[in-house]
Amino acid sequence: MVEARYTTLLDGLELPVRLGIHPHELAAPQRVRLSVRMTVAYPQPVANDRIEEVLDYDFVREGVHAMARERRFALQETLCDAVAALCLRDERVIEVVVRSVKPDVYPDAAVGCEVVRGR
């Protein structure tokens, strides 16, 4: 059996998230930009050009939207870890890199966090 690895990306997902520790951050959700990079292993290279052969990244996008609706996060680190755990629910994902960015914190810079998790 020949293992085939692919990188699946969900890049630049922008959504309102209840995130932060400061009083002004507690008042309302703020804009967060997320990028997810998953290394996915399959038993063989994709041959039939069918979605059933690969990871369908809809579950990541939908899961992140659900988290943003249902949960409050104090730290970007916690948010990134939660997204990484979501991705690793699929056994084919062997490593995931999650980056979150709050683009509106400072007028001259965005602030963010990146985590790498694997099996």
PDB file of N, CA and C in Angstrom:
ATOM      1  N   MET A   1       0.839  -1.178   0.000  1.00  0.00           N
ATOM      2  CA  MET A   1       0.000   0.000   0.000  1.00  0.00           C
ATOM      3  C   MET A   1       0.886   1.245   0.000  1.00  0.00           C
ATOM      4  N   VAL A   2       0.583   2.177  -0.869  1.00  0.00           N
ATOM      5  CA  VAL A   2       1.326   3.419  -0.980  1.00  0.00           C
ATOM      6  C   VAL A   2       0.519   4.519  -0.307  1.00  0.00           C
ATOM      7  N   GLU A   3       1.068   5.120   0.727  1.00  0.00           N
ATOM      8  CA  GLU A   3       0.375   6.212   1.384  1.00  0.00           C
ATOM      9  C   GLU A   3       0.563   7.497   0.579  1.00  0.00           C
ATOM     10  N   ALA A   4      -0.509   8.271   0.483  1.00  0.00           N
ATOM     11  CA  ALA A   4      -0.446   9.559  -0.210  1.00  0.00           C
ATOM     12  C   ALA A   4      -0.851  10.647   0.784  1.00  0.00           C
ATOM     13  N   ARG A   5      -0.047  11.687   0.844  1.00  0.00           N
ATOM     14  CA  ARG A   5      -0.349  12.809   1.732  1.00  0.00           C
ATOM     15  C   ARG A   5      -0.685  14.042   0.910  1.00  0.00           C
ATOM     16  N   TYR A   6      -1.704  14.733   1.374  1.00  0.00           N
ATOM     17  CA  TYR A   6      -2.138  15.973   0.743  1.00  0.00           C
ATOM     18  C   TYR A   6      -2.287  17.028   1.835  1.00  0.00           C
ATOM     19  N   THR A   7      -2.208  18.271   1.446  1.00  0.00           N
ATOM     20  CA  THR A   7      -2.468  19.370   2.364  1.00  0.00           C
ATOM     21  C   THR A   7      -3.795  19.994   1.960  1.00  0.00           C
ATOM     22  N   THR A   8      -4.723  20.017   2.901  1.00  0.00           N
ATOM     23  CA  THR A   8      -6.036  20.605   2.678  1.00  0.00           C
ATOM     24  C   THR A   8      -6.091  21.917   3.438  1.00  0.00           C
ATOM     25  N   LEU A   9      -6.508  22.986   2.764  1.00  0.00           N
ATOM     26  CA  LEU A   9      -6.493  24.328   3.340  1.00  0.00           C
ATOM     27  C   LEU A   9      -7.903  24.903   3.458  1.00  0.00           C
ATOM     28  N   LEU A  10      -8.127  25.582   4.549  1.00  0.00           N
ATOM     29  CA  LEU A  10      -9.282  26.465   4.715  1.00  0.00           C
ATOM     30  C   LEU A  10      -8.661  27.790   5.140  1.00  0.00           C
ATOM     31  N   ASP A  11      -8.575  28.720   4.214  1.00  0.00           N
ATOM     32  CA  ASP A  11      -7.761  29.912   4.433  1.00  0.00           C
ATOM     33  C   ASP A  11      -8.606  31.179   4.423  1.00  0.00           C
ATOM     34  N   GLY A  12      -8.379  32.018   5.420  1.00  0.00           N
ATOM     35  CA  GLY A  12      -9.016  33.326   5.441  1.00  0.00           C
ATOM     36  C   GLY A  12     -10.476  33.322   5.845  1.00  0.00           C
ATOM     37  N   LEU A  13     -10.905  32.306   6.581  1.00  0.00           N
ATOM     38  CA  LEU A  13     -12.287  32.276   7.069  1.00  0.00           C
ATOM     39  C   LEU A  13     -12.470  33.420   8.057  1.00  0.00           C
ATOM     40  N   GLU A  14     -13.379  34.318   7.773  1.00  0.00           N
ATOM     41  CA  GLU A  14     -13.584  35.489   8.617  1.00  0.00           C
ATOM     42  C   GLU A  14     -14.970  35.427   9.228  1.00  0.00           C
ATOM     43  N   LEU A  15     -15.039  35.561  10.559  1.00  0.00           N
ATOM     44  CA  LEU A  15     -16.319  35.469  11.229  1.00  0.00           C
ATOM     45  C   LEU A  15     -16.262  36.191  12.573  1.00  0.00           C
ATOM     46  N   PRO A  16     -17.431  36.575  13.109  1.00  0.00           N
ATOM     47  CA  PRO A  16     -17.454  37.200  14.423  1.00  0.00           C
ATOM     48  C   PRO A  16     -17.325  36.128  15.510  1.00  0.00           C
ATOM     49  N   VAL A  17     -16.431  36.385  16.470  1.00  0.00           N
ATOM     50  CA  VAL A  17     -16.195  35.440  17.556  1.00  0.00           C
ATOM     51  C   VAL A  17     -16.206  36.206  18.869  1.00  0.00           C
ATOM     52  N   ARG A  18     -16.834  35.625  19.867  1.00  0.00           N
ATOM     53  CA  ARG A  18     -16.771  36.201  21.215  1.00  0.00           C
ATOM     54  C   ARG A  18     -15.428  35.771  21.790  1.00  0.00           C
ATOM     55  N   LEU A  19     -14.467  36.673  21.704  1.00  0.00           N
ATOM     56  CA  LEU A  19     -13.081  36.352  22.020  1.00  0.00           C
ATOM     57  C   LEU A  19     -12.425  37.539  22.701  1.00  0.00           C
ATOM     58  N   GLY A  20     -11.783  37.281  23.830  1.00  0.00           N
ATOM     59  CA  GLY A  20     -11.011  38.328  24.472  1.00  0.00           C
ATOM     60  C   GLY A  20     -11.217  38.372  25.967  1.00  0.00           C
ATOM     61  N   ILE A  21     -10.385  39.193  26.612  1.00  0.00           N
ATOM     62  CA  ILE A  21     -10.424  39.321  28.069  1.00  0.00           C
ATOM     63  C   ILE A  21     -10.715  40.741  28.534  1.00  0.00           C
ATOM     64  N   HIS A  22     -10.566  41.719  27.646  1.00  0.00           N
ATOM     65  CA  HIS A  22     -10.749  43.116  28.019  1.00  0.00           C
ATOM     66  C   HIS A  22     -12.227  43.496  27.986  1.00  0.00           C
ATOM     67  N   PRO A  23     -12.623  44.472  28.794  1.00  0.00           N
ATOM     68  CA  PRO A  23     -14.044  44.857  28.844  1.00  0.00           C
ATOM     69  C   PRO A  23     -14.656  45.156  27.474  1.00  0.00           C
ATOM     70  N   HIS A  24     -13.932  45.861  26.618  1.00  0.00           N
ATOM     71  CA  HIS A  24     -14.495  46.163  25.299  1.00  0.00           C
ATOM     72  C   HIS A  24     -14.635  44.909  24.433  1.00  0.00           C
ATOM     73  N   GLU A  25     -13.837  43.864  24.718  1.00  0.00           N
ATOM     74  CA  GLU A  25     -13.948  42.607  23.973  1.00  0.00           C
ATOM     75  C   GLU A  25     -15.103  41.749  24.492  1.00  0.00           C
ATOM     76  N   LEU A  26     -15.484  41.972  25.731  1.00  0.00           N
ATOM     77  CA  LEU A  26     -16.579  41.207  26.326  1.00  0.00           C
ATOM     78  C   LEU A  26     -17.939  41.732  25.869  1.00  0.00           C
ATOM     79  N   ALA A  27     -17.976  42.952  25.385  1.00  0.00           N
ATOM     80  CA  ALA A  27     -19.237  43.596  25.031  1.00  0.00           C
ATOM     81  C   ALA A  27     -19.874  43.011  23.772  1.00  0.00           C
ATOM     82  N   ALA A  28     -19.051  42.595  22.813  1.00  0.00           N
ATOM     83  CA  ALA A  28     -19.598  42.112  21.542  1.00  0.00           C
ATOM     84  C   ALA A  28     -18.574  41.233  20.845  1.00  0.00           C
ATOM     85  N   PRO A  29     -19.047  40.372  19.936  1.00  0.00           N
ATOM     86  CA  PRO A  29     -18.091  39.578  19.150  1.00  0.00           C
ATOM     87  C   PRO A  29     -17.183  40.493  18.331  1.00  0.00           C
ATOM     88  N   GLN A  30     -15.998  40.004  18.034  1.00  0.00           N
ATOM     89  CA  GLN A  30     -15.085  40.768  17.190  1.00  0.00           C
ATOM     90  C   GLN A  30     -14.690  39.930  15.973  1.00  0.00           C
ATOM     91  N   ARG A  31     -14.227  40.632  14.974  1.00  0.00           N
ATOM     92  CA  ARG A  31     -13.837  39.975  13.733  1.00  0.00           C
ATOM     93  C   ARG A  31     -12.560  39.166  13.950  1.00  0.00           C
ATOM     94  N   VAL A  32     -12.613  37.906  13.526  1.00  0.00           N
ATOM     95  CA  VAL A  32     -11.466  37.005  13.620  1.00  0.00           C
ATOM     96  C   VAL A  32     -11.295  36.342  12.254  1.00  0.00           C
ATOM     97  N   ARG A  33     -10.045  36.221  11.847  1.00  0.00           N
ATOM     98  CA  ARG A  33      -9.706  35.545  10.592  1.00  0.00           C
ATOM     99  C   ARG A  33      -8.968  34.256  10.954  1.00  0.00           C
ATOM    100  N   LEU A  34      -9.464  33.128  10.452  1.00  0.00           N
ATOM    101  CA  LEU A  34      -8.864  31.825  10.744  1.00  0.00           C
ATOM    102  C   LEU A  34      -8.325  31.182   9.470  1.00  0.00           C
ATOM    103  N   SER A  35      -7.185  30.533   9.608  1.00  0.00           N
ATOM    104  CA  SER A  35      -6.627  29.720   8.536  1.00  0.00           C
ATOM    105  C   SER A  35      -6.280  28.360   9.117  1.00  0.00           C
ATOM    106  N   VAL A  36      -6.637  27.321   8.379  1.00  0.00           N
ATOM    107  CA  VAL A  36      -6.421  25.947   8.824  1.00  0.00           C
ATOM    108  C   VAL A  36      -5.682  25.208   7.719  1.00  0.00           C
ATOM    109  N   ARG A  37      -4.612  24.526   8.107  1.00  0.00           N
ATOM    110  CA  ARG A  37      -3.812  23.731   7.167  1.00  0.00           C
ATOM    111  C   ARG A  37      -3.727  22.318   7.728  1.00  0.00           C
ATOM    112  N   MET A  38      -4.320  21.368   7.014  1.00  0.00           N
ATOM    113  CA  MET A  38      -4.354  19.977   7.484  1.00  0.00           C
ATOM    114  C   MET A  38      -3.521  19.091   6.570  1.00  0.00           C
ATOM    115  N   THR A  39      -2.625  18.323   7.144  1.00  0.00           N
ATOM    116  CA  THR A  39      -1.925  17.283   6.396  1.00  0.00           C
ATOM    117  C   THR A  39      -2.766  16.022   6.539  1.00  0.00           C
ATOM    118  N   VAL A  40      -3.197  15.509   5.397  1.00  0.00           N
ATOM    119  CA  VAL A  40      -4.142  14.394   5.377  1.00  0.00           C
ATOM    120  C   VAL A  40      -3.491  13.212   4.668  1.00  0.00           C
ATOM    121  N   ALA A  41      -3.591  12.033   5.279  1.00  0.00           N
ATOM    122  CA  ALA A  41      -3.000  10.821   4.709  1.00  0.00           C
ATOM    123  C   ALA A  41      -4.109   9.900   4.196  1.00  0.00           C
ATOM    124  N   TYR A  42      -3.921   9.437   2.969  1.00  0.00           N
ATOM    125  CA  TYR A  42      -4.843   8.493   2.341  1.00  0.00           C
ATOM    126  C   TYR A  42      -4.061   7.227   2.007  1.00  0.00           C
ATOM    127  N   PRO A  43      -4.750   6.096   1.902  1.00  0.00           N
ATOM    128  CA  PRO A  43      -4.040   4.851   1.618  1.00  0.00           C
ATOM    129  C   PRO A  43      -3.349   4.832   0.258  1.00  0.00           C
ATOM    130  N   GLN A  44      -3.841   5.662  -0.665  1.00  0.00           N
ATOM    131  CA  GLN A  44      -3.258   5.717  -2.007  1.00  0.00           C
ATOM    132  C   GLN A  44      -3.572   7.076  -2.621  1.00  0.00           C
ATOM    133  N   PRO A  45      -2.890   7.447  -3.673  1.00  0.00           N
ATOM    134  CA  PRO A  45      -3.199   8.716  -4.331  1.00  0.00           C
ATOM    135  C   PRO A  45      -4.652   8.748  -4.824  1.00  0.00           C
ATOM    136  N   VAL A  46      -5.205   9.930  -4.845  1.00  0.00           N
ATOM    137  CA  VAL A  46      -6.571  10.109  -5.333  1.00  0.00           C
ATOM    138  C   VAL A  46      -6.603   9.747  -6.813  1.00  0.00           C
ATOM    139  N   ALA A  47      -7.503   8.843  -7.181  1.00  0.00           N
ATOM    140  CA  ALA A  47      -7.498   8.331  -8.554  1.00  0.00           C
ATOM    141  C   ALA A  47      -8.791   8.605  -9.316  1.00  0.00           C
ATOM    142  N   ASN A  48      -9.899   8.715  -8.620  1.00  0.00           N
ATOM    143  CA  ASN A  48     -11.187   8.763  -9.308  1.00  0.00           C
ATOM    144  C   ASN A  48     -11.854  10.129  -9.319  1.00  0.00           C
ATOM    145  N   ASP A  49     -11.179  11.136  -8.755  1.00  0.00           N
ATOM    146  CA  ASP A  49     -11.688  12.503  -8.803  1.00  0.00           C
ATOM    147  C   ASP A  49     -13.076  12.615  -8.183  1.00  0.00           C
ATOM    148  N   ARG A  50     -13.261  11.944  -7.035  1.00  0.00           N
ATOM    149  CA  ARG A  50     -14.556  11.943  -6.346  1.00  0.00           C
ATOM    150  C   ARG A  50     -14.360  12.388  -4.896  1.00  0.00           C
ATOM    151  N   ILE A  51     -15.306  13.172  -4.398  1.00  0.00           N
ATOM    152  CA  ILE A  51     -15.222  13.711  -3.035  1.00  0.00           C
ATOM    153  C   ILE A  51     -15.148  12.593  -1.992  1.00  0.00           C
ATOM    154  N   GLU A  52     -15.711  11.452  -2.277  1.00  0.00           N
ATOM    155  CA  GLU A  52     -15.686  10.339  -1.325  1.00  0.00           C
ATOM    156  C   GLU A  52     -14.266   9.850  -1.031  1.00  0.00           C
ATOM    157  N   GLU A  53     -13.323  10.179  -1.900  1.00  0.00           N
ATOM    158  CA  GLU A  53     -11.938   9.731  -1.733  1.00  0.00           C
ATOM    159  C   GLU A  53     -11.144  10.607  -0.763  1.00  0.00           C
ATOM    160  N   VAL A  54     -11.653  11.799  -0.477  1.00  0.00           N
ATOM    161  CA  VAL A  54     -10.849  12.779   0.262  1.00  0.00           C
ATOM    162  C   VAL A  54     -11.631  13.383   1.426  1.00  0.00           C
ATOM    163  N   LEU A  55     -10.920  14.130   2.236  1.00  0.00           N
ATOM    164  CA  LEU A  55     -11.527  14.858   3.335  1.00  0.00           C
ATOM    165  C   LEU A  55     -12.354  16.014   2.761  1.00  0.00           C
ATOM    166  N   ASP A  56     -13.603  16.084   3.158  1.00  0.00           N
ATOM    167  CA  ASP A  56     -14.479  17.168   2.735  1.00  0.00           C
ATOM    168  C   ASP A  56     -14.390  18.261   3.799  1.00  0.00           C
ATOM    169  N   TYR A  57     -13.771  19.384   3.472  1.00  0.00           N
ATOM    170  CA  TYR A  57     -13.479  20.421   4.455  1.00  0.00           C
ATOM    171  C   TYR A  57     -14.705  21.185   4.932  1.00  0.00           C
ATOM    172  N   ASP A  58     -15.886  20.857   4.406  1.00  0.00           N
ATOM    173  CA  ASP A  58     -17.107  21.501   4.901  1.00  0.00           C
ATOM    174  C   ASP A  58     -17.277  21.286   6.404  1.00  0.00           C
ATOM    175  N   PHE A  59     -16.897  20.102   6.904  1.00  0.00           N
ATOM    176  CA  PHE A  59     -17.087  19.835   8.327  1.00  0.00           C
ATOM    177  C   PHE A  59     -16.259  20.782   9.196  1.00  0.00           C
ATOM    178  N   VAL A  60     -15.108  21.220   8.714  1.00  0.00           N
ATOM    179  CA  VAL A  60     -14.276  22.159   9.481  1.00  0.00           C
ATOM    180  C   VAL A  60     -14.945  23.523   9.495  1.00  0.00           C
ATOM    181  N   ARG A  61     -15.334  24.012   8.335  1.00  0.00           N
ATOM    182  CA  ARG A  61     -15.979  25.323   8.246  1.00  0.00           C
ATOM    183  C   ARG A  61     -17.251  25.358   9.088  1.00  0.00           C
ATOM    184  N   GLU A  62     -18.095  24.363   8.930  1.00  0.00           N
ATOM    185  CA  GLU A  62     -19.346  24.314   9.690  1.00  0.00           C
ATOM    186  C   GLU A  62     -19.082  24.194  11.189  1.00  0.00           C
ATOM    187  N   GLY A  63     -18.088  23.408  11.559  1.00  0.00           N
ATOM    188  CA  GLY A  63     -17.746  23.262  12.978  1.00  0.00           C
ATOM    189  C   GLY A  63     -17.236  24.548  13.596  1.00  0.00           C
ATOM    190  N   VAL A  64     -16.422  25.291  12.860  1.00  0.00           N
ATOM    191  CA  VAL A  64     -15.904  26.567  13.357  1.00  0.00           C
ATOM    192  C   VAL A  64     -17.050  27.566  13.514  1.00  0.00           C
ATOM    193  N   HIS A  65     -17.951  27.615  12.543  1.00  0.00           N
ATOM    194  CA  HIS A  65     -19.103  28.513  12.658  1.00  0.00           C
ATOM    195  C   HIS A  65     -19.948  28.151  13.886  1.00  0.00           C
ATOM    196  N   ALA A  66     -20.147  26.868  14.135  1.00  0.00           N
ATOM    197  CA  ALA A  66     -20.911  26.435  15.306  1.00  0.00           C
ATOM    198  C   ALA A  66     -20.214  26.856  16.597  1.00  0.00           C
ATOM    199  N   MET A  67     -18.896  26.679  16.664  1.00  0.00           N
ATOM    200  CA  MET A  67     -18.134  27.113  17.843  1.00  0.00           C
ATOM    201  C   MET A  67     -18.307  28.600  18.094  1.00  0.00           C
ATOM    202  N   ALA A  68     -18.225  29.381  17.023  1.00  0.00           N
ATOM    203  CA  ALA A  68     -18.325  30.837  17.153  1.00  0.00           C
ATOM    204  C   ALA A  68     -19.705  31.253  17.654  1.00  0.00           C
ATOM    205  N   ARG A  69     -20.732  30.517  17.269  1.00  0.00           N
ATOM    206  CA  ARG A  69     -22.088  30.830  17.730  1.00  0.00           C
ATOM    207  C   ARG A  69     -22.315  30.408  19.176  1.00  0.00           C
ATOM    208  N   GLU A  70     -21.738  29.273  19.570  1.00  0.00           N
ATOM    209  CA  GLU A  70     -22.100  28.627  20.827  1.00  0.00           C
ATOM    210  C   GLU A  70     -21.150  28.891  21.984  1.00  0.00           C
ATOM    211  N   ARG A  71     -19.980  29.415  21.724  1.00  0.00           N
ATOM    212  CA  ARG A  71     -18.956  29.447  22.754  1.00  0.00           C
ATOM    213  C   ARG A  71     -18.269  30.798  22.837  1.00  0.00           C
ATOM    214  N   ARG A  72     -17.757  31.097  24.022  1.00  0.00           N
ATOM    215  CA  ARG A  72     -16.938  32.291  24.236  1.00  0.00           C
ATOM    216  C   ARG A  72     -15.531  31.809  24.543  1.00  0.00           C
ATOM    217  N   PHE A  73     -14.539  32.503  23.999  1.00  0.00           N
ATOM    218  CA  PHE A  73     -13.134  32.170  24.217  1.00  0.00           C
ATOM    219  C   PHE A  73     -12.449  33.368  24.850  1.00  0.00           C
ATOM    220  N   ALA A  74     -11.668  33.142  25.875  1.00  0.00           N
ATOM    221  CA  ALA A  74     -10.878  34.216  26.462  1.00  0.00           C
ATOM    222  C   ALA A  74      -9.617  34.445  25.622  1.00  0.00           C
ATOM    223  N   LEU A  75      -9.016  33.360  25.151  1.00  0.00           N
ATOM    224  CA  LEU A  75      -7.709  33.440  24.490  1.00  0.00           C
ATOM    225  C   LEU A  75      -7.738  32.871  23.078  1.00  0.00           C
ATOM    226  N   GLN A  76      -6.935  33.451  22.217  1.00  0.00           N
ATOM    227  CA  GLN A  76      -6.789  32.906  20.866  1.00  0.00           C
ATOM    228  C   GLN A  76      -6.181  31.505  20.911  1.00  0.00           C
ATOM    229  N   GLU A  77      -5.315  31.252  21.871  1.00  0.00           N
ATOM    230  CA  GLU A  77      -4.714  29.929  22.010  1.00  0.00           C
ATOM    231  C   GLU A  77      -5.796  28.858  22.212  1.00  0.00           C
ATOM    232  N   THR A  78      -6.788  29.178  23.039  1.00  0.00           N
ATOM    233  CA  THR A  78      -7.885  28.240  23.302  1.00  0.00           C
ATOM    234  C   THR A  78      -8.720  28.026  22.049  1.00  0.00           C
ATOM    235  N   LEU A  79      -8.994  29.101  21.331  1.00  0.00           N
ATOM    236  CA  LEU A  79      -9.732  28.998  20.074  1.00  0.00           C
ATOM    237  C   LEU A  79      -8.978  28.109  19.090  1.00  0.00           C
ATOM    238  N   CYS A  80      -7.694  28.351  18.912  1.00  0.00           N
ATOM    239  CA  CYS A  80      -6.891  27.547  17.976  1.00  0.00           C
ATOM    240  C   CYS A  80      -6.861  26.079  18.382  1.00  0.00           C
ATOM    241  N   ASP A  81      -6.723  25.804  19.670  1.00  0.00           N
ATOM    242  CA  ASP A  81      -6.725  24.416  20.129  1.00  0.00           C
ATOM    243  C   ASP A  81      -8.066  23.738  19.858  1.00  0.00           C
ATOM    244  N   ALA A  82      -9.160  24.463  20.038  1.00  0.00           N
ATOM    245  CA  ALA A  82     -10.485  23.894  19.783  1.00  0.00           C
ATOM    246  C   ALA A  82     -10.657  23.567  18.301  1.00  0.00           C
ATOM    247  N   VAL A  83     -10.194  24.437  17.432  1.00  0.00           N
ATOM    248  CA  VAL A  83     -10.279  24.185  15.985  1.00  0.00           C
ATOM    249  C   VAL A  83      -9.389  23.010  15.603  1.00  0.00           C
ATOM    250  N   ALA A  84      -8.200  22.939  16.179  1.00  0.00           N
ATOM    251  CA  ALA A  84      -7.300  21.812  15.892  1.00  0.00           C
ATOM    252  C   ALA A  84      -7.938  20.491  16.325  1.00  0.00           C
ATOM    253  N   ALA A  85      -8.552  20.471  17.499  1.00  0.00           N
ATOM    254  CA  ALA A  85      -9.211  19.252  17.976  1.00  0.00           C
ATOM    255  C   ALA A  85     -10.346  18.842  17.038  1.00  0.00           C
ATOM    256  N   LEU A  86     -11.079  19.805  16.536  1.00  0.00           N
ATOM    257  CA  LEU A  86     -12.142  19.525  15.568  1.00  0.00           C
ATOM    258  C   LEU A  86     -11.562  18.831  14.331  1.00  0.00           C
ATOM    259  N   CYS A  87     -10.485  19.357  13.803  1.00  0.00           N
ATOM    260  CA  CYS A  87      -9.869  18.783  12.602  1.00  0.00           C
ATOM    261  C   CYS A  87      -9.356  17.370  12.851  1.00  0.00           C
ATOM    262  N   LEU A  88      -8.783  17.147  14.009  1.00  0.00           N
ATOM    263  CA  LEU A  88      -8.196  15.839  14.316  1.00  0.00           C
ATOM    264  C   LEU A  88      -9.243  14.763  14.600  1.00  0.00           C
ATOM    265  N   ARG A  89     -10.506  15.140  14.629  1.00  0.00           N
ATOM    266  CA  ARG A  89     -11.567  14.128  14.756  1.00  0.00           C
ATOM    267  C   ARG A  89     -11.580  13.194  13.546  1.00  0.00           C
ATOM    268  N   ASP A  90     -11.150  13.701  12.407  1.00  0.00           N
ATOM    269  CA  ASP A  90     -11.030  12.857  11.220  1.00  0.00           C
ATOM    270  C   ASP A  90      -9.692  12.129  11.314  1.00  0.00           C
ATOM    271  N   GLU A  91      -9.739  10.827  11.369  1.00  0.00           N
ATOM    272  CA  GLU A  91      -8.542  10.001  11.573  1.00  0.00           C
ATOM    273  C   GLU A  91      -7.489  10.175  10.482  1.00  0.00           C
ATOM    274  N   ARG A  92      -7.885  10.658   9.327  1.00  0.00           N
ATOM    275  CA  ARG A  92      -6.942  10.835   8.229  1.00  0.00           C
ATOM    276  C   ARG A  92      -6.066  12.070   8.405  1.00  0.00           C
ATOM    277  N   VAL A  93      -6.490  12.990   9.261  1.00  0.00           N
ATOM    278  CA  VAL A  93      -5.707  14.199   9.514  1.00  0.00           C
ATOM    279  C   VAL A  93      -4.572  13.817  10.455  1.00  0.00           C
ATOM    280  N   ILE A  94      -3.342  13.982   9.992  1.00  0.00           N
ATOM    281  CA  ILE A  94      -2.202  13.599  10.824  1.00  0.00           C
ATOM    282  C   ILE A  94      -1.530  14.810  11.466  1.00  0.00           C
ATOM    283  N   GLU A  95      -1.748  15.980  10.890  1.00  0.00           N
ATOM    284  CA  GLU A  95      -1.235  17.210  11.485  1.00  0.00           C
ATOM    285  C   GLU A  95      -2.121  18.361  11.045  1.00  0.00           C
ATOM    286  N   VAL A  96      -2.280  19.322  11.948  1.00  0.00           N
ATOM    287  CA  VAL A  96      -3.069  20.500  11.626  1.00  0.00           C
ATOM    288  C   VAL A  96      -2.365  21.734  12.175  1.00  0.00           C
ATOM    289  N   VAL A  97      -2.369  22.784  11.379  1.00  0.00           N
ATOM    290  CA  VAL A  97      -1.861  24.090  11.789  1.00  0.00           C
ATOM    291  C   VAL A  97      -3.052  25.048  11.746  1.00  0.00           C
ATOM    292  N   VAL A  98      -3.309  25.702  12.874  1.00  0.00           N
ATOM    293  CA  VAL A  98      -4.420  26.646  12.953  1.00  0.00           C
ATOM    294  C   VAL A  98      -3.859  28.005  13.325  1.00  0.00           C
ATOM    295  N   ARG A  99      -4.258  29.019  12.566  1.00  0.00           N
ATOM    296  CA  ARG A  99      -3.834  30.398  12.838  1.00  0.00           C
ATOM    297  C   ARG A  99      -5.079  31.258  13.000  1.00  0.00           C
ATOM    298  N   SER A 100      -5.108  32.030  14.076  1.00  0.00           N
ATOM    299  CA  SER A 100      -6.183  33.011  14.254  1.00  0.00           C
ATOM    300  C   SER A 100      -5.561  34.398  14.296  1.00  0.00           C
ATOM    301  N   VAL A 101      -6.291  35.353  13.750  1.00  0.00           N
ATOM    302  CA  VAL A 101      -5.825  36.730  13.722  1.00  0.00           C
ATOM    303  C   VAL A 101      -6.997  37.633  14.061  1.00  0.00           C
ATOM    304  N   LYS A 102      -6.747  38.571  14.976  1.00  0.00           N
ATOM    305  CA  LYS A 102      -7.706  39.630  15.269  1.00  0.00           C
ATOM    306  C   LYS A 102      -7.178  40.875  14.556  1.00  0.00           C
ATOM    307  N   PRO A 103      -7.791  41.244  13.423  1.00  0.00           N
ATOM    308  CA  PRO A 103      -7.243  42.334  12.613  1.00  0.00           C
ATOM    309  C   PRO A 103      -7.559  43.734  13.116  1.00  0.00           C
ATOM    310  N   ASP A 104      -8.464  43.849  14.086  1.00  0.00           N
ATOM    311  CA  ASP A 104      -8.932  45.177  14.483  1.00  0.00           C
ATOM    312  C   ASP A 104      -8.449  45.630  15.859  1.00  0.00           C
ATOM    313  N   VAL A 105      -7.532  44.915  16.470  1.00  0.00           N
ATOM    314  CA  VAL A 105      -7.076  45.265  17.817  1.00  0.00           C
ATOM    315  C   VAL A 105      -6.286  46.571  17.819  1.00  0.00           C
ATOM    316  N   TYR A 106      -5.348  46.687  16.905  1.00  0.00           N
ATOM    317  CA  TYR A 106      -4.509  47.878  16.808  1.00  0.00           C
ATOM    318  C   TYR A 106      -4.689  48.512  15.434  1.00  0.00           C
ATOM    319  N   PRO A 107      -4.506  49.811  15.336  1.00  0.00           N
ATOM    320  CA  PRO A 107      -4.649  50.452  14.029  1.00  0.00           C
ATOM    321  C   PRO A 107      -3.493  50.124  13.074  1.00  0.00           C
ATOM    322  N   ASP A 108      -2.367  49.678  13.620  1.00  0.00           N
ATOM    323  CA  ASP A 108      -1.191  49.455  12.783  1.00  0.00           C
ATOM    324  C   ASP A 108      -0.716  48.005  12.743  1.00  0.00           C
ATOM    325  N   ALA A 109      -1.484  47.076  13.342  1.00  0.00           N
ATOM    326  CA  ALA A 109      -1.058  45.680  13.336  1.00  0.00           C
ATOM    327  C   ALA A 109      -2.204  44.771  13.731  1.00  0.00           C
ATOM    328  N   ALA A 110      -2.176  43.567  13.214  1.00  0.00           N
ATOM    329  CA  ALA A 110      -3.097  42.516  13.643  1.00  0.00           C
ATOM    330  C   ALA A 110      -2.363  41.668  14.678  1.00  0.00           C
ATOM    331  N   VAL A 111      -3.128  41.019  15.555  1.00  0.00           N
ATOM    332  CA  VAL A 111      -2.531  40.132  16.555  1.00  0.00           C
ATOM    333  C   VAL A 111      -3.089  38.745  16.363  1.00  0.00           C
ATOM    334  N   GLY A 112      -2.257  37.745  16.606  1.00  0.00           N
ATOM    335  CA  GLY A 112      -2.727  36.389  16.361  1.00  0.00           C
ATOM    336  C   GLY A 112      -1.991  35.327  17.122  1.00  0.00           C
ATOM    337  N   CYS A 113      -2.360  34.114  16.797  1.00  0.00           N
ATOM    338  CA  CYS A 113      -1.774  32.932  17.434  1.00  0.00           C
ATOM    339  C   CYS A 113      -1.775  31.815  16.397  1.00  0.00           C
ATOM    340  N   GLU A 114      -0.808  30.939  16.503  1.00  0.00           N
ATOM    341  CA  GLU A 114      -0.745  29.772  15.626  1.00  0.00           C
ATOM    342  C   GLU A 114      -0.370  28.566  16.460  1.00  0.00           C
ATOM    343  N   VAL A 115      -1.079  27.460  16.260  1.00  0.00           N
ATOM    344  CA  VAL A 115      -0.736  26.211  16.940  1.00  0.00           C
ATOM    345  C   VAL A 115      -0.551  25.119  15.904  1.00  0.00           C
ATOM    346  N   VAL A 116       0.282  24.145  16.249  1.00  0.00           N
ATOM    347  CA  VAL A 116       0.506  22.959  15.433  1.00  0.00           C
ATOM    348  C   VAL A 116       0.182  21.767  16.305  1.00  0.00           C
ATOM    349  N   ARG A 117      -0.697  20.920  15.839  1.00  0.00           N
ATOM    350  CA  ARG A 117      -1.064  19.722  16.579  1.00  0.00           C
ATOM    351  C   ARG A 117      -1.015  18.530  15.630  1.00  0.00           C
ATOM    352  N   GLY A 118      -0.652  17.386  16.164  1.00  0.00           N
ATOM    353  CA  GLY A 118      -0.589  16.180  15.344  1.00  0.00           C
ATOM    354  C   GLY A 118      -0.892  14.945  16.148  1.00  0.00           C
ATOM    355  N   ARG A 119      -0.892  13.856  15.468  1.00  0.00           N
ATOM    356  CA  ARG A 119      -1.129  12.553  16.131  1.00  0.00           C
ATOM    357  C   ARG A 119       0.177  12.009  16.644  1.00  0.00           C
TER     358      ARG A 119
END
